[in-house]
Amino acid sequence: MLDEGTVAALKSHRVRRASERLLPGAGKATAEDWIFADVEGHPYHPNAVSQRLNRKVKDAGIKHIGIHGLRHTGATLAIVAGVPAKVVSAAARALLVSITLDTYSHVLPAMDEHAVQQ
């Protein structure tokens, strides 16, 4: 499941990708076109994605975080927000809920405060 904002962003991206595919030299669209791809329709190399993320993080002036850090952050924020661990585990594609809790959740001040309030 995706939230409405993510769905809207993906739809907008799909429209952009379709217009890019009409540019000269873009090659022919195929049934295997990637959602995130270069102008020729090839998937981005993982290093290129990491480099772009690093530039965006630096430009934003925030502490460095890598792709895997985003995964950890997302899972932790979901747990803090009260999303059931089973749901977070499924979204993270973890085999066991215990793996999700051990690997992707980190004790944050908000978690300690919530425990005290409970």
PDB file of N, CA and C in Angstrom:
ATOM      1  N   MET A   1       0.838  -1.174   0.000  1.00  0.00           N
ATOM      2  CA  MET A   1       0.000   0.000   0.000  1.00  0.00           C
ATOM      3  C   MET A   1       0.885   1.239   0.000  1.00  0.00           C
ATOM      4  N   LEU A   2       0.436   2.243  -0.696  1.00  0.00           N
ATOM      5  CA  LEU A   2       1.154   3.515  -0.747  1.00  0.00           C
ATOM      6  C   LEU A   2       0.205   4.638  -0.364  1.00  0.00           C
ATOM      7  N   ASP A   3       0.756   5.657   0.273  1.00  0.00           N
ATOM      8  CA  ASP A   3      -0.058   6.811   0.629  1.00  0.00           C
ATOM      9  C   ASP A   3      -0.353   7.625  -0.626  1.00  0.00           C
ATOM     10  N   GLU A   4      -1.341   8.505  -0.525  1.00  0.00           N
ATOM     11  CA  GLU A   4      -1.782   9.299  -1.679  1.00  0.00           C
ATOM     12  C   GLU A   4      -0.673  10.173  -2.252  1.00  0.00           C
ATOM     13  N   GLY A   5       0.168  10.753  -1.392  1.00  0.00           N
ATOM     14  CA  GLY A   5       1.257  11.607  -1.869  1.00  0.00           C
ATOM     15  C   GLY A   5       2.267  10.832  -2.704  1.00  0.00           C
ATOM     16  N   THR A   6       2.592   9.610  -2.265  1.00  0.00           N
ATOM     17  CA  THR A   6       3.535   8.778  -3.024  1.00  0.00           C
ATOM     18  C   THR A   6       2.930   8.370  -4.356  1.00  0.00           C
ATOM     19  N   VAL A   7       1.659   7.997  -4.345  1.00  0.00           N
ATOM     20  CA  VAL A   7       0.982   7.619  -5.590  1.00  0.00           C
ATOM     21  C   VAL A   7       0.981   8.802  -6.563  1.00  0.00           C
ATOM     22  N   ALA A   8       0.682   9.993  -6.065  1.00  0.00           N
ATOM     23  CA  ALA A   8       0.677  11.190  -6.919  1.00  0.00           C
ATOM     24  C   ALA A   8       2.065  11.455  -7.488  1.00  0.00           C
ATOM     25  N   ALA A   9       3.100  11.309  -6.651  1.00  0.00           N
ATOM     26  CA  ALA A   9       4.473  11.535  -7.119  1.00  0.00           C
ATOM     27  C   ALA A   9       4.852  10.518  -8.189  1.00  0.00           C
ATOM     28  N   LEU A  10       4.470   9.258  -8.010  1.00  0.00           N
ATOM     29  CA  LEU A  10       4.781   8.226  -9.007  1.00  0.00           C
ATOM     30  C   LEU A  10       4.031   8.467 -10.317  1.00  0.00           C
ATOM     31  N   LYS A  11       2.790   8.920 -10.223  1.00  0.00           N
ATOM     32  CA  LYS A  11       2.029   9.228 -11.439  1.00  0.00           C
ATOM     33  C   LYS A  11       2.673  10.384 -12.191  1.00  0.00           C
ATOM     34  N   SER A  12       3.091  11.406 -11.455  1.00  0.00           N
ATOM     35  CA  SER A  12       3.764  12.546 -12.072  1.00  0.00           C
ATOM     36  C   SER A  12       5.069  12.100 -12.733  1.00  0.00           C
ATOM     37  N   HIS A  13       5.798  11.242 -12.052  1.00  0.00           N
ATOM     38  CA  HIS A  13       7.056  10.720 -12.594  1.00  0.00           C
ATOM     39  C   HIS A  13       6.794   9.921 -13.871  1.00  0.00           C
ATOM     40  N   ARG A  14       5.725   9.132 -13.885  1.00  0.00           N
ATOM     41  CA  ARG A  14       5.390   8.340 -15.066  1.00  0.00           C
ATOM     42  C   ARG A  14       5.113   9.240 -16.272  1.00  0.00           C
ATOM     43  N   VAL A  15       4.432  10.350 -16.040  1.00  0.00           N
ATOM     44  CA  VAL A  15       4.163  11.307 -17.126  1.00  0.00           C
ATOM     45  C   VAL A  15       5.478  11.896 -17.636  1.00  0.00           C
ATOM     46  N   ARG A  16       6.373  12.270 -16.688  1.00  0.00           N
ATOM     47  CA  ARG A  16       7.694  12.801 -17.075  1.00  0.00           C
ATOM     48  C   ARG A  16       8.479  11.773 -17.887  1.00  0.00           C
ATOM     49  N   ARG A  17       8.474  10.523 -17.416  1.00  0.00           N
ATOM     50  CA  ARG A  17       9.207   9.456 -18.115  1.00  0.00           C
ATOM     51  C   ARG A  17       8.654   9.262 -19.528  1.00  0.00           C
ATOM     52  N   ALA A  18       7.343   9.321 -19.675  1.00  0.00           N
ATOM     53  CA  ALA A  18       6.726   9.142 -20.988  1.00  0.00           C
ATOM     54  C   ALA A  18       7.163  10.254 -21.937  1.00  0.00           C
ATOM     55  N   SER A  19       7.243  11.480 -21.431  1.00  0.00           N
ATOM     56  CA  SER A  19       7.668  12.590 -22.294  1.00  0.00           C
ATOM     57  C   SER A  19       9.153  12.475 -22.621  1.00  0.00           C
ATOM     58  N   GLU A  20       9.966  11.990 -21.680  1.00  0.00           N
ATOM     59  CA  GLU A  20      11.396  11.770 -21.945  1.00  0.00           C
ATOM     60  C   GLU A  20      11.590  10.727 -23.036  1.00  0.00           C
ATOM     61  N   ARG A  21      10.731   9.727 -23.055  1.00  0.00           N
ATOM     62  CA  ARG A  21      10.864   8.638 -24.028  1.00  0.00           C
ATOM     63  C   ARG A  21      10.587   9.135 -25.452  1.00  0.00           C
ATOM     64  N   LEU A  22       9.969  10.305 -25.584  1.00  0.00           N
ATOM     65  CA  LEU A  22       9.689  10.866 -26.908  1.00  0.00           C
ATOM     66  C   LEU A  22      10.851  11.693 -27.448  1.00  0.00           C
ATOM     67  N   LEU A  23      11.842  11.968 -26.595  1.00  0.00           N
ATOM     68  CA  LEU A  23      12.981  12.778 -27.023  1.00  0.00           C
ATOM     69  C   LEU A  23      13.848  12.025 -28.033  1.00  0.00           C
ATOM     70  N   PRO A  24      14.500  12.757 -28.948  1.00  0.00           N
ATOM     71  CA  PRO A  24      15.393  12.095 -29.897  1.00  0.00           C
ATOM     72  C   PRO A  24      16.501  11.347 -29.144  1.00  0.00           C
ATOM     73  N   GLY A  25      16.798  10.155 -29.602  1.00  0.00           N
ATOM     74  CA  GLY A  25      17.855   9.350 -28.994  1.00  0.00           C
ATOM     75  C   GLY A  25      17.417   8.585 -27.768  1.00  0.00           C
ATOM     76  N   ALA A  26      16.135   8.642 -27.446  1.00  0.00           N
ATOM     77  CA  ALA A  26      15.653   7.973 -26.237  1.00  0.00           C
ATOM     78  C   ALA A  26      15.467   6.483 -26.428  1.00  0.00           C
ATOM     79  N   GLY A  27      15.507   6.010 -27.660  1.00  0.00           N
ATOM     80  CA  GLY A  27      15.290   4.582 -27.892  1.00  0.00           C
ATOM     81  C   GLY A  27      13.808   4.262 -27.842  1.00  0.00           C
ATOM     82  N   LYS A  28      13.504   3.029 -28.132  1.00  0.00           N
ATOM     83  CA  LYS A  28      12.105   2.610 -28.158  1.00  0.00           C
ATOM     84  C   LYS A  28      11.664   2.115 -26.786  1.00  0.00           C
ATOM     85  N   ALA A  29      10.447   2.450 -26.438  1.00  0.00           N
ATOM     86  CA  ALA A  29       9.889   1.964 -25.185  1.00  0.00           C
ATOM     87  C   ALA A  29       9.613   0.471 -25.322  1.00  0.00           C
ATOM     88  N   THR A  30       9.811  -0.265 -24.259  1.00  0.00           N
ATOM     89  CA  THR A  30       9.533  -1.700 -24.250  1.00  0.00           C
ATOM     90  C   THR A  30       8.647  -2.027 -23.057  1.00  0.00           C
ATOM     91  N   ALA A  31       8.156  -3.243 -23.037  1.00  0.00           N
ATOM     92  CA  ALA A  31       7.319  -3.680 -21.925  1.00  0.00           C
ATOM     93  C   ALA A  31       8.132  -3.760 -20.630  1.00  0.00           C
ATOM     94  N   GLU A  32       9.455  -3.813 -20.747  1.00  0.00           N
ATOM     95  CA  GLU A  32      10.315  -3.934 -19.574  1.00  0.00           C
ATOM     96  C   GLU A  32      10.907  -2.594 -19.140  1.00  0.00           C
ATOM     97  N   ASP A  33      10.342  -1.480 -19.606  1.00  0.00           N
ATOM     98  CA  ASP A  33      10.858  -0.177 -19.205  1.00  0.00           C
ATOM     99  C   ASP A  33      10.886  -0.066 -17.688  1.00  0.00           C
ATOM    100  N   TRP A  34      11.956   0.494 -17.190  1.00  0.00           N
ATOM    101  CA  TRP A  34      12.128   0.689 -15.760  1.00  0.00           C
ATOM    102  C   TRP A  34      11.462   1.987 -15.343  1.00  0.00           C
ATOM    103  N   ILE A  35      10.970   2.039 -14.140  1.00  0.00           N
ATOM    104  CA  ILE A  35      10.341   3.254 -13.634  1.00  0.00           C
ATOM    105  C   ILE A  35      11.388   4.350 -13.462  1.00  0.00           C
ATOM    106  N   PHE A  36      12.540   3.962 -12.907  1.00  0.00           N
ATOM    107  CA  PHE A  36      13.624   4.913 -12.705  1.00  0.00           C
ATOM    108  C   PHE A  36      14.769   4.477 -13.607  1.00  0.00           C
ATOM    109  N   ALA A  37      14.940   5.206 -14.707  1.00  0.00           N
ATOM    110  CA  ALA A  37      15.900   4.804 -15.714  1.00  0.00           C
ATOM    111  C   ALA A  37      16.513   6.019 -16.391  1.00  0.00           C
ATOM    112  N   ASP A  38      17.621   5.762 -17.101  1.00  0.00           N
ATOM    113  CA  ASP A  38      18.240   6.834 -17.867  1.00  0.00           C
ATOM    114  C   ASP A  38      17.409   7.092 -19.123  1.00  0.00           C
ATOM    115  N   VAL A  39      17.822   8.061 -19.916  1.00  0.00           N
ATOM    116  CA  VAL A  39      17.031   8.460 -21.083  1.00  0.00           C
ATOM    117  C   VAL A  39      16.895   7.331 -22.113  1.00  0.00           C
ATOM    118  N   GLU A  40      17.814   6.381 -22.087  1.00  0.00           N
ATOM    119  CA  GLU A  40      17.734   5.240 -23.004  1.00  0.00           C
ATOM    120  C   GLU A  40      16.877   4.107 -22.445  1.00  0.00           C
ATOM    121  N   GLY A  41      16.395   4.274 -21.239  1.00  0.00           N
ATOM    122  CA  GLY A  41      15.530   3.257 -20.656  1.00  0.00           C
ATOM    123  C   GLY A  41      16.246   2.213 -19.817  1.00  0.00           C
ATOM    124  N   HIS A  42      17.560   2.374 -19.632  1.00  0.00           N
ATOM    125  CA  HIS A  42      18.313   1.419 -18.814  1.00  0.00           C
ATOM    126  C   HIS A  42      18.206   1.808 -17.335  1.00  0.00           C
ATOM    127  N   PRO A  43      18.163   0.807 -16.447  1.00  0.00           N
ATOM    128  CA  PRO A  43      18.086   1.148 -15.022  1.00  0.00           C
ATOM    129  C   PRO A  43      19.350   1.851 -14.568  1.00  0.00           C
ATOM    130  N   TYR A  44      19.185   2.745 -13.595  1.00  0.00           N
ATOM    131  CA  TYR A  44      20.340   3.432 -13.038  1.00  0.00           C
ATOM    132  C   TYR A  44      21.239   2.424 -12.327  1.00  0.00           C
ATOM    133  N   HIS A  45      22.529   2.643 -12.415  1.00  0.00           N
ATOM    134  CA  HIS A  45      23.477   1.824 -11.659  1.00  0.00           C
ATOM    135  C   HIS A  45      23.325   2.205 -10.186  1.00  0.00           C
ATOM    136  N   PRO A  46      23.372   1.226  -9.269  1.00  0.00           N
ATOM    137  CA  PRO A  46      23.216   1.545  -7.840  1.00  0.00           C
ATOM    138  C   PRO A  46      24.163   2.642  -7.350  1.00  0.00           C
ATOM    139  N   ASN A  47      25.392   2.660  -7.853  1.00  0.00           N
ATOM    140  CA  ASN A  47      26.330   3.714  -7.424  1.00  0.00           C
ATOM    141  C   ASN A  47      25.837   5.095  -7.835  1.00  0.00           C
ATOM    142  N   ALA A  48      25.196   5.189  -8.988  1.00  0.00           N
ATOM    143  CA  ALA A  48      24.677   6.476  -9.459  1.00  0.00           C
ATOM    144  C   ALA A  48      23.562   6.966  -8.528  1.00  0.00           C
ATOM    145  N   VAL A  49      22.737   6.038  -8.075  1.00  0.00           N
ATOM    146  CA  VAL A  49      21.653   6.400  -7.163  1.00  0.00           C
ATOM    147  C   VAL A  49      22.249   6.895  -5.843  1.00  0.00           C
ATOM    148  N   SER A  50      23.234   6.181  -5.326  1.00  0.00           N
ATOM    149  CA  SER A  50      23.880   6.582  -4.068  1.00  0.00           C
ATOM    150  C   SER A  50      24.550   7.940  -4.207  1.00  0.00           C
ATOM    151  N   GLN A  51      25.238   8.164  -5.328  1.00  0.00           N
ATOM    152  CA  GLN A  51      25.910   9.443  -5.544  1.00  0.00           C
ATOM    153  C   GLN A  51      24.909  10.590  -5.602  1.00  0.00           C
ATOM    154  N   ARG A  52      23.776  10.361  -6.254  1.00  0.00           N
ATOM    155  CA  ARG A  52      22.757  11.414  -6.346  1.00  0.00           C
ATOM    156  C   ARG A  52      22.171  11.709  -4.964  1.00  0.00           C
ATOM    157  N   LEU A  53      21.899  10.656  -4.204  1.00  0.00           N
ATOM    158  CA  LEU A  53      21.398  10.852  -2.845  1.00  0.00           C
ATOM    159  C   LEU A  53      22.407  11.644  -2.021  1.00  0.00           C
ATOM    160  N   ASN A  54      23.689  11.295  -2.133  1.00  0.00           N
ATOM    161  CA  ASN A  54      24.732  11.996  -1.378  1.00  0.00           C
ATOM    162  C   ASN A  54      24.770  13.480  -1.728  1.00  0.00           C
ATOM    163  N   ARG A  55      24.623  13.808  -3.026  1.00  0.00           N
ATOM    164  CA  ARG A  55      24.595  15.217  -3.441  1.00  0.00           C
ATOM    165  C   ARG A  55      23.393  15.941  -2.848  1.00  0.00           C
ATOM    166  N   LYS A  56      22.230  15.291  -2.892  1.00  0.00           N
ATOM    167  CA  LYS A  56      21.007  15.918  -2.374  1.00  0.00           C
ATOM    168  C   LYS A  56      21.125  16.162  -0.871  1.00  0.00           C
ATOM    169  N   VAL A  57      21.688  15.190  -0.152  1.00  0.00           N
ATOM    170  CA  VAL A  57      21.867  15.330   1.296  1.00  0.00           C
ATOM    171  C   VAL A  57      22.824  16.477   1.592  1.00  0.00           C
ATOM    172  N   LYS A  58      23.929  16.532   0.844  1.00  0.00           N
ATOM    173  CA  LYS A  58      24.921  17.594   1.050  1.00  0.00           C
ATOM    174  C   LYS A  58      24.308  18.957   0.735  1.00  0.00           C
ATOM    175  N   ASP A  59      23.585  19.054  -0.391  1.00  0.00           N
ATOM    176  CA  ASP A  59      22.956  20.313  -0.779  1.00  0.00           C
ATOM    177  C   ASP A  59      21.936  20.774   0.260  1.00  0.00           C
ATOM    178  N   ALA A  60      21.279  19.819   0.909  1.00  0.00           N
ATOM    179  CA  ALA A  60      20.275  20.161   1.919  1.00  0.00           C
ATOM    180  C   ALA A  60      20.923  20.544   3.243  1.00  0.00           C
ATOM    181  N   GLY A  61      22.235  20.283   3.360  1.00  0.00           N
ATOM    182  CA  GLY A  61      22.948  20.649   4.576  1.00  0.00           C
ATOM    183  C   GLY A  61      22.590  19.783   5.776  1.00  0.00           C
ATOM    184  N   ILE A  62      22.202  18.547   5.499  1.00  0.00           N
ATOM    185  CA  ILE A  62      21.873  17.651   6.605  1.00  0.00           C
ATOM    186  C   ILE A  62      22.944  16.575   6.764  1.00  0.00           C
ATOM    187  N   LYS A  63      22.923  15.919   7.906  1.00  0.00           N
ATOM    188  CA  LYS A  63      23.891  14.876   8.212  1.00  0.00           C
ATOM    189  C   LYS A  63      23.796  13.771   7.156  1.00  0.00           C
ATOM    190  N   HIS A  64      24.954  13.237   6.760  1.00  0.00           N
ATOM    191  CA  HIS A  64      24.983  12.191   5.733  1.00  0.00           C
ATOM    192  C   HIS A  64      24.159  10.981   6.147  1.00  0.00           C
ATOM    193  N   ILE A  65      23.373  10.510   5.214  1.00  0.00           N
ATOM    194  CA  ILE A  65      22.630   9.262   5.403  1.00  0.00           C
ATOM    195  C   ILE A  65      22.619   8.549   4.059  1.00  0.00           C
ATOM    196  N   GLY A  66      22.900   7.280   4.087  1.00  0.00           N
ATOM    197  CA  GLY A  66      22.920   6.491   2.853  1.00  0.00           C
ATOM    198  C   GLY A  66      21.582   5.817   2.617  1.00  0.00           C
ATOM    199  N   ILE A  67      21.513   5.072   1.536  1.00  0.00           N
ATOM    200  CA  ILE A  67      20.279   4.371   1.170  1.00  0.00           C
ATOM    201  C   ILE A  67      19.822   3.448   2.307  1.00  0.00           C
ATOM    202  N   HIS A  68      20.750   2.674   2.844  1.00  0.00           N
ATOM    203  CA  HIS A  68      20.369   1.739   3.910  1.00  0.00           C
ATOM    204  C   HIS A  68      19.974   2.488   5.173  1.00  0.00           C
ATOM    205  N   GLY A  69      20.576   3.655   5.382  1.00  0.00           N
ATOM    206  CA  GLY A  69      20.182   4.491   6.505  1.00  0.00           C
ATOM    207  C   GLY A  69      18.751   4.967   6.365  1.00  0.00           C
ATOM    208  N   LEU A  70      18.334   5.239   5.125  1.00  0.00           N
ATOM    209  CA  LEU A  70      16.952   5.645   4.891  1.00  0.00           C
ATOM    210  C   LEU A  70      15.992   4.515   5.272  1.00  0.00           C
ATOM    211  N   ARG A  71      16.387   3.296   4.961  1.00  0.00           N
ATOM    212  CA  ARG A  71      15.573   2.130   5.299  1.00  0.00           C
ATOM    213  C   ARG A  71      15.419   2.016   6.814  1.00  0.00           C
ATOM    214  N   HIS A  72      16.534   2.141   7.534  1.00  0.00           N
ATOM    215  CA  HIS A  72      16.497   2.067   8.994  1.00  0.00           C
ATOM    216  C   HIS A  72      15.635   3.196   9.560  1.00  0.00           C
ATOM    217  N   THR A  73      15.839   4.400   9.032  1.00  0.00           N
ATOM    218  CA  THR A  73      15.081   5.557   9.508  1.00  0.00           C
ATOM    219  C   THR A  73      13.587   5.368   9.267  1.00  0.00           C
ATOM    220  N   GLY A  74      13.240   4.921   8.080  1.00  0.00           N
ATOM    221  CA  GLY A  74      11.827   4.705   7.755  1.00  0.00           C
ATOM    222  C   GLY A  74      11.171   3.698   8.673  1.00  0.00           C
ATOM    223  N   ALA A  75      11.856   2.583   8.912  1.00  0.00           N
ATOM    224  CA  ALA A  75      11.301   1.552   9.794  1.00  0.00           C
ATOM    225  C   ALA A  75      11.183   2.075  11.220  1.00  0.00           C
ATOM    226  N   THR A  76      12.203   2.774  11.680  1.00  0.00           N
ATOM    227  CA  THR A  76      12.180   3.311  13.047  1.00  0.00           C
ATOM    228  C   THR A  76      11.047   4.320  13.210  1.00  0.00           C
ATOM    229  N   LEU A  77      10.905   5.232  12.256  1.00  0.00           N
ATOM    230  CA  LEU A  77       9.843   6.238  12.340  1.00  0.00           C
ATOM    231  C   LEU A  77       8.456   5.595  12.294  1.00  0.00           C
ATOM    232  N   ALA A  78       8.326   4.529  11.515  1.00  0.00           N
ATOM    233  CA  ALA A  78       7.043   3.832  11.454  1.00  0.00           C
ATOM    234  C   ALA A  78       6.718   3.202  12.803  1.00  0.00           C
ATOM    235  N   ILE A  79       7.717   2.593  13.436  1.00  0.00           N
ATOM    236  CA  ILE A  79       7.497   1.977  14.748  1.00  0.00           C
ATOM    237  C   ILE A  79       7.149   3.046  15.785  1.00  0.00           C
ATOM    238  N   VAL A  80       7.884   4.174  15.753  1.00  0.00           N
ATOM    239  CA  VAL A  80       7.603   5.275  16.684  1.00  0.00           C
ATOM    240  C   VAL A  80       6.183   5.802  16.472  1.00  0.00           C
ATOM    241  N   ALA A  81       5.735   5.815  15.219  1.00  0.00           N
ATOM    242  CA  ALA A  81       4.399   6.324  14.902  1.00  0.00           C
ATOM    243  C   ALA A  81       3.297   5.338  15.286  1.00  0.00           C
ATOM    244  N   GLY A  82       3.701   4.151  15.750  1.00  0.00           N
ATOM    245  CA  GLY A  82       2.703   3.187  16.186  1.00  0.00           C
ATOM    246  C   GLY A  82       2.274   2.189  15.138  1.00  0.00           C
ATOM    247  N   VAL A  83       2.966   2.153  14.010  1.00  0.00           N
ATOM    248  CA  VAL A  83       2.652   1.152  12.991  1.00  0.00           C
ATOM    249  C   VAL A  83       3.024  -0.213  13.572  1.00  0.00           C
ATOM    250  N   PRO A  84       2.130  -1.184  13.504  1.00  0.00           N
ATOM    251  CA  PRO A  84       2.435  -2.495  14.065  1.00  0.00           C
ATOM    252  C   PRO A  84       3.716  -3.095  13.468  1.00  0.00           C
ATOM    253  N   ALA A  85       4.514  -3.719  14.318  1.00  0.00           N
ATOM    254  CA  ALA A  85       5.799  -4.289  13.888  1.00  0.00           C
ATOM    255  C   ALA A  85       5.619  -5.271  12.739  1.00  0.00           C
ATOM    256  N   LYS A  86       4.523  -6.014  12.717  1.00  0.00           N
ATOM    257  CA  LYS A  86       4.275  -6.972  11.627  1.00  0.00           C
ATOM    258  C   LYS A  86       4.138  -6.241  10.294  1.00  0.00           C
ATOM    259  N   VAL A  87       3.492  -5.096  10.294  1.00  0.00           N
ATOM    260  CA  VAL A  87       3.318  -4.304   9.071  1.00  0.00           C
ATOM    261  C   VAL A  87       4.662  -3.728   8.627  1.00  0.00           C
ATOM    262  N   VAL A  88       5.432  -3.209   9.576  1.00  0.00           N
ATOM    263  CA  VAL A  88       6.760  -2.672   9.259  1.00  0.00           C
ATOM    264  C   VAL A  88       7.640  -3.782   8.711  1.00  0.00           C
ATOM    265  N   SER A  89       7.556  -4.949   9.315  1.00  0.00           N
ATOM    266  CA  SER A  89       8.350  -6.099   8.891  1.00  0.00           C
ATOM    267  C   SER A  89       8.016  -6.490   7.443  1.00  0.00           C
ATOM    268  N   ALA A  90       6.740  -6.526   7.128  1.00  0.00           N
ATOM    269  CA  ALA A  90       6.329  -6.878   5.762  1.00  0.00           C
ATOM    270  C   ALA A  90       6.816  -5.833   4.763  1.00  0.00           C
ATOM    271  N   ALA A  91       6.718  -4.558   5.130  1.00  0.00           N
ATOM    272  CA  ALA A  91       7.171  -3.486   4.235  1.00  0.00           C
ATOM    273  C   ALA A  91       8.672  -3.547   4.015  1.00  0.00           C
ATOM    274  N   ALA A  92       9.419  -3.952   5.053  1.00  0.00           N
ATOM    275  CA  ALA A  92      10.879  -4.041   4.959  1.00  0.00           C
ATOM    276  C   ALA A  92      11.316  -5.367   4.330  1.00  0.00           C
ATOM    277  N   ARG A  93      10.361  -6.220   4.039  1.00  0.00           N
ATOM    278  CA  ARG A  93      10.627  -7.533   3.455  1.00  0.00           C
ATOM    279  C   ARG A  93      11.504  -8.389   4.373  1.00  0.00           C
ATOM    280  N   ALA A  94      11.310  -8.230   5.676  1.00  0.00           N
ATOM    281  CA  ALA A  94      12.051  -9.035   6.648  1.00  0.00           C
ATOM    282  C   ALA A  94      11.315 -10.358   6.845  1.00  0.00           C
ATOM    283  N   LEU A  95      12.061 -11.407   7.072  1.00  0.00           N
ATOM    284  CA  LEU A  95      11.453 -12.724   7.242  1.00  0.00           C
ATOM    285  C   LEU A  95      10.732 -12.864   8.572  1.00  0.00           C
ATOM    286  N   LEU A  96      11.282 -12.246   9.599  1.00  0.00           N
ATOM    287  CA  LEU A  96      10.703 -12.360  10.930  1.00  0.00           C
ATOM    288  C   LEU A  96      10.518 -10.976  11.551  1.00  0.00           C
ATOM    289  N   VAL A  97       9.444 -10.813  12.319  1.00  0.00           N
ATOM    290  CA  VAL A  97       9.217  -9.547  13.009  1.00  0.00           C
ATOM    291  C   VAL A  97      10.379  -9.253  13.942  1.00  0.00           C
ATOM    292  N   SER A  98      10.937 -10.277  14.566  1.00  0.00           N
ATOM    293  CA  SER A  98      12.059 -10.061  15.483  1.00  0.00           C
ATOM    294  C   SER A  98      13.260  -9.466  14.758  1.00  0.00           C
ATOM    295  N   ILE A  99      13.466  -9.855  13.504  1.00  0.00           N
ATOM    296  CA  ILE A  99      14.564  -9.280  12.712  1.00  0.00           C
ATOM    297  C   ILE A  99      14.298  -7.793  12.493  1.00  0.00           C
ATOM    298  N   THR A 100      13.069  -7.458  12.179  1.00  0.00           N
ATOM    299  CA  THR A 100      12.713  -6.052  11.978  1.00  0.00           C
ATOM    300  C   THR A 100      12.980  -5.247  13.241  1.00  0.00           C
ATOM    301  N   LEU A 101      12.514  -5.755  14.361  1.00  0.00           N
ATOM    302  CA  LEU A 101      12.677  -5.026  15.614  1.00  0.00           C
ATOM    303  C   LEU A 101      14.141  -4.924  16.017  1.00  0.00           C
ATOM    304  N   ASP A 102      14.909  -5.985  15.791  1.00  0.00           N
ATOM    305  CA  ASP A 102      16.328  -5.967  16.157  1.00  0.00           C
ATOM    306  C   ASP A 102      17.165  -5.120  15.208  1.00  0.00           C
ATOM    307  N   THR A 103      16.817  -5.159  13.938  1.00  0.00           N
ATOM    308  CA  THR A 103      17.650  -4.521  12.921  1.00  0.00           C
ATOM    309  C   THR A 103      17.232  -3.105  12.579  1.00  0.00           C
ATOM    310  N   TYR A 104      15.940  -2.872  12.423  1.00  0.00           N
ATOM    311  CA  TYR A 104      15.486  -1.601  11.888  1.00  0.00           C
ATOM    312  C   TYR A 104      14.956  -0.618  12.903  1.00  0.00           C
ATOM    313  N   SER A 105      14.762  -1.048  14.111  1.00  0.00           N
ATOM    314  CA  SER A 105      14.296  -0.073  15.104  1.00  0.00           C
ATOM    315  C   SER A 105      15.456   0.312  16.002  1.00  0.00           C
ATOM    316  N   HIS A 106      15.479   1.570  16.355  1.00  0.00           N
ATOM    317  CA  HIS A 106      16.525   2.105  17.216  1.00  0.00           C
ATOM    318  C   HIS A 106      15.829   2.883  18.319  1.00  0.00           C
ATOM    319  N   VAL A 107      16.319   2.764  19.509  1.00  0.00           N
ATOM    320  CA  VAL A 107      15.687   3.480  20.614  1.00  0.00           C
ATOM    321  C   VAL A 107      15.906   4.969  20.419  1.00  0.00           C
ATOM    322  N   LEU A 108      14.825   5.679  20.369  1.00  0.00           N
ATOM    323  CA  LEU A 108      14.847   7.130  20.229  1.00  0.00           C
ATOM    324  C   LEU A 108      14.261   7.737  21.504  1.00  0.00           C
ATOM    325  N   PRO A 109      14.616   8.985  21.789  1.00  0.00           N
ATOM    326  CA  PRO A 109      14.044   9.633  22.977  1.00  0.00           C
ATOM    327  C   PRO A 109      12.517   9.551  22.998  1.00  0.00           C
ATOM    328  N   ALA A 110      11.883   9.653  21.854  1.00  0.00           N
ATOM    329  CA  ALA A 110      10.419   9.596  21.807  1.00  0.00           C
ATOM    330  C   ALA A 110       9.903   8.238  22.268  1.00  0.00           C
ATOM    331  N   MET A 111      10.655   7.176  21.977  1.00  0.00           N
ATOM    332  CA  MET A 111      10.235   5.844  22.400  1.00  0.00           C
ATOM    333  C   MET A 111      10.333   5.719  23.915  1.00  0.00           C
ATOM    334  N   ASP A 112      11.419   6.231  24.494  1.00  0.00           N
ATOM    335  CA  ASP A 112      11.579   6.197  25.945  1.00  0.00           C
ATOM    336  C   ASP A 112      10.469   6.985  26.625  1.00  0.00           C
ATOM    337  N   GLU A 113      10.169   8.162  26.091  1.00  0.00           N
ATOM    338  CA  GLU A 113       9.129   9.010  26.672  1.00  0.00           C
ATOM    339  C   GLU A 113       7.770   8.316  26.611  1.00  0.00           C
ATOM    340  N   HIS A 114       7.486   7.681  25.481  1.00  0.00           N
ATOM    341  CA  HIS A 114       6.227   6.973  25.313  1.00  0.00           C
ATOM    342  C   HIS A 114       6.123   5.839  26.338  1.00  0.00           C
ATOM    343  N   ALA A 115       7.227   5.105  26.528  1.00  0.00           N
ATOM    344  CA  ALA A 115       7.230   4.009  27.509  1.00  0.00           C
ATOM    345  C   ALA A 115       6.946   4.531  28.906  1.00  0.00           C
ATOM    346  N   VAL A 116       7.550   5.663  29.259  1.00  0.00           N
ATOM    347  CA  VAL A 116       7.343   6.241  30.578  1.00  0.00           C
ATOM    348  C   VAL A 116       5.877   6.657  30.743  1.00  0.00           C
ATOM    349  N   GLN A 117       5.297   7.267  29.704  1.00  0.00           N
ATOM    350  CA  GLN A 117       3.904   7.718  29.769  1.00  0.00           C
ATOM    351  C   GLN A 117       2.956   6.539  29.910  1.00  0.00           C
ATOM    352  N   GLN A 118       3.289   5.419  29.288  1.00  0.00           N
ATOM    353  CA  GLN A 118       2.434   4.234  29.368  1.00  0.00           C
ATOM    354  C   GLN A 118       2.473   3.645  30.759  1.00  0.00           C
TER     355      GLN A 118
END
